[in-house]
Protein backbone atom coordinates (compact mmCIF):
# COMPACT_ATOMS: atom_id res chain seq x y z
CA UNK A 1 85.74 130.71 126.87
CA UNK A 2 87.69 133.63 125.71
CA UNK A 3 87.37 134.36 122.02
CA UNK A 4 90.39 136.74 120.20
CA UNK A 5 91.66 137.10 117.10
CA UNK A 6 94.41 139.70 116.01
CA UNK A 7 93.81 140.94 112.81
CA UNK A 8 96.65 142.79 111.14
CA UNK A 9 95.92 146.07 108.64
CA UNK A 10 96.41 143.76 105.84
CA UNK A 11 92.88 142.35 106.90
CA UNK A 12 94.94 138.96 107.24
CA UNK A 13 93.12 136.71 110.40
CA UNK A 14 95.92 135.29 112.28
CA UNK A 15 94.32 133.36 114.92
CA UNK A 16 90.91 131.65 115.84
CA UNK A 17 89.43 131.28 119.09
CA UNK A 18 91.57 130.96 122.08
CA UNK A 19 90.63 129.60 125.26
CA UNK A 20 92.08 130.36 128.44
CA UNK A 21 93.10 127.21 130.53
CA UNK A 22 93.15 128.30 133.84
CA UNK A 23 90.35 128.39 135.99
CA UNK A 24 91.22 131.59 137.08
CA UNK A 25 91.45 133.10 133.78
CA UNK A 26 88.13 131.61 132.63
CA UNK A 27 85.92 133.23 135.64
CA UNK A 28 87.79 136.68 134.92
CA UNK A 29 86.65 139.44 132.83
CA UNK A 30 89.37 138.70 130.20
CA UNK A 31 88.72 139.73 126.49
CA UNK A 32 91.69 140.24 124.09
CA UNK A 33 89.88 142.74 122.20
CA UNK A 34 91.76 145.98 123.30
CA UNK A 35 95.38 144.30 122.66
CA UNK A 36 93.71 143.20 118.91
CA UNK A 37 92.61 146.46 118.71
CA UNK A 38 95.79 148.37 119.88
CA UNK A 39 97.78 146.14 117.37
CA UNK A 40 95.59 146.66 114.47
CA UNK A 41 96.01 150.77 115.15
CA UNK A 42 99.64 150.38 115.23
CA UNK A 43 100.65 147.52 113.04
CA UNK A 44 103.26 145.01 114.30
CA UNK A 45 106.45 147.54 114.18
CA UNK A 46 108.02 148.48 117.52
CA UNK A 47 104.85 151.28 117.88
CA UNK A 48 102.90 148.03 118.77
CA UNK A 49 104.85 147.41 121.95
CA UNK A 50 102.62 150.12 123.74
CA UNK A 51 99.70 147.21 123.63
CA UNK A 52 101.20 144.54 125.40
CA UNK A 53 99.14 144.06 128.25
CA UNK A 54 96.43 145.87 127.81
CA UNK A 55 93.78 143.60 127.67
CA UNK A 56 95.49 142.24 131.17
CA UNK A 57 95.11 145.05 132.52
CA UNK A 58 91.53 145.89 131.81
CA UNK A 59 90.93 142.62 133.02
CA UNK A 60 92.82 143.11 136.30
CA UNK A 61 90.76 146.58 136.72
CA UNK A 62 87.32 144.75 136.14
CA UNK A 63 86.98 141.67 137.19
CA UNK A 64 86.04 140.95 140.81
CA UNK A 65 89.45 139.77 142.55
CA UNK A 66 91.30 141.15 139.68
CA UNK A 67 93.87 142.91 141.48
CA UNK A 68 94.60 139.62 143.62
CA UNK A 69 97.31 137.64 143.05
CA UNK A 70 95.54 134.75 141.51
CA UNK A 71 93.36 137.36 139.64
CA UNK A 72 96.45 139.16 138.19
CA UNK A 73 98.39 135.68 137.53
CA UNK A 74 94.80 134.91 135.85
CA UNK A 75 94.59 138.07 133.52
CA UNK A 76 97.83 138.05 132.68
CA UNK A 77 98.04 134.35 131.78
CA UNK A 78 95.05 135.02 129.71
CA UNK A 79 97.13 137.70 127.56
CA UNK A 80 99.92 135.55 127.41
CA UNK A 81 97.54 132.38 126.00
CA UNK A 82 96.32 135.21 123.46
CA UNK A 83 99.93 136.05 122.56
CA UNK A 84 101.31 132.38 122.35
CA UNK A 85 98.76 131.39 119.87
CA UNK A 86 99.58 134.25 117.58
CA UNK A 87 103.17 133.44 117.88
CA UNK A 88 102.49 129.63 116.81
CA UNK A 89 100.69 131.41 113.81
CA UNK A 90 103.40 133.72 112.97
CA UNK A 91 105.87 131.28 113.19
CA UNK A 92 104.27 128.89 111.05
CA UNK A 93 104.12 131.45 108.22
CA UNK A 94 107.65 132.32 108.54
CA UNK A 95 108.84 128.79 108.78
CA UNK A 96 106.65 128.60 105.39
CA UNK A 97 108.51 131.36 103.72
CA UNK A 98 111.97 129.87 105.50
CA UNK A 99 110.98 126.34 103.46
CA UNK A 100 110.35 128.36 100.45
CA UNK A 101 113.63 130.34 100.43
CA UNK A 102 115.46 127.08 100.95
CA UNK A 103 113.83 125.09 98.17
CA UNK A 104 114.51 127.92 95.74
CA UNK A 105 117.74 128.26 96.51
CA UNK A 106 117.95 131.75 97.34
CA UNK A 107 119.84 131.92 100.74
CA UNK A 108 123.38 131.22 101.12
CA UNK A 109 124.86 127.94 99.50
CA UNK A 110 124.71 125.50 102.79
CA UNK A 111 122.56 127.64 105.15
CA UNK A 112 119.43 126.55 105.72
CA UNK A 113 116.87 129.52 106.71
CA UNK A 114 114.57 126.95 107.90
CA UNK A 115 117.01 125.64 110.32
CA UNK A 116 118.26 128.55 111.45
CA UNK A 117 114.39 129.79 112.36
CA UNK A 118 113.99 126.24 114.40
CA UNK A 119 117.73 126.81 116.32
CA UNK A 120 116.63 130.84 116.80
CA UNK A 121 113.20 129.93 118.36
CA UNK A 122 114.40 127.10 120.41
CA UNK A 123 117.02 129.69 121.70
CA UNK A 124 114.62 132.57 122.22
CA UNK A 125 112.39 129.94 123.84
CA UNK A 126 115.36 129.04 126.09
CA UNK A 127 115.93 132.67 126.94
CA UNK A 128 112.46 133.53 127.80
CA UNK A 129 112.04 131.18 130.40
CA UNK A 130 115.52 131.95 131.91
CA UNK A 131 114.48 135.31 131.84
CA UNK A 132 111.09 134.77 133.49
CA UNK A 133 113.11 132.36 136.15
CA UNK A 134 115.04 135.03 137.40
CA UNK A 135 112.12 137.62 137.14
CA UNK A 136 110.52 135.00 139.77
CA UNK A 137 113.69 134.81 141.64
CA UNK A 138 113.58 138.41 142.51
CA UNK A 139 110.66 138.27 144.75
CA UNK A 140 112.39 135.88 147.28
CA UNK A 141 109.78 133.59 147.41
CA UNK A 142 107.08 135.49 147.56
CA UNK A 143 103.40 135.69 146.16
CA UNK A 144 104.22 138.48 143.55
CA UNK A 145 106.60 135.79 141.75
CA UNK A 146 103.35 134.22 140.04
CA UNK A 147 101.87 137.43 138.46
CA UNK A 148 105.56 138.75 137.75
CA UNK A 149 106.25 135.11 135.99
CA UNK A 150 103.08 135.83 134.07
CA UNK A 151 103.72 139.05 133.07
CA UNK A 152 106.95 138.51 131.85
CA UNK A 153 105.97 135.44 129.79
CA UNK A 154 103.35 137.37 128.26
CA UNK A 155 105.11 140.22 127.71
CA UNK A 156 108.34 138.25 126.00
CA UNK A 157 106.15 136.26 124.14
CA UNK A 158 104.48 139.42 122.75
CA UNK A 159 107.43 140.75 121.62
CA UNK A 160 108.88 137.93 119.60
CA UNK A 161 105.10 137.35 117.61
CA UNK A 162 105.26 140.93 116.85
CA UNK A 163 108.90 140.22 115.35
CA UNK A 164 107.99 137.50 113.35
CA UNK A 165 105.35 139.28 112.00
CA UNK A 166 107.41 142.00 110.89
CA UNK A 167 109.26 138.87 109.43
CA UNK A 168 106.78 138.00 107.10
CA UNK A 169 106.04 141.78 105.92
CA UNK A 170 102.89 142.00 107.86
CA UNK A 171 103.63 146.13 108.34
């Protein structure tokens, strides 16, 4: 079981335990603390982009078989699952803020922040999946497609998480 938590400089814990579901990730040395520490240091701004993949890289370098295709996929998937849990927490916070804005009537007439946010997130998921499918296609059916897809999902999910965290003012 992998236990991770991303705590932004404000001291707010955004996620609880995350368990890697793939058998590969469970048998690897995945621990999200390097990514968490980096984001704590950098904050969720653009500087934190260098934090993406830190824990997966350590996992690949320290796990028996971490450099294999299966090992790389497992480590990258472990960090993807970390970021996905963080994304869901951040999205819920932005959604709550959007509902408040809508209820208080601060937005432009006839425009719902909640609806716009939901539409944006759905479009982002479609973009992410299409981008990562393209990334996999560049491997011509080779075994590198698995790690490339996992890396793409991890990176895009992390980027979106950091954007949403900035949206709710956790800088």
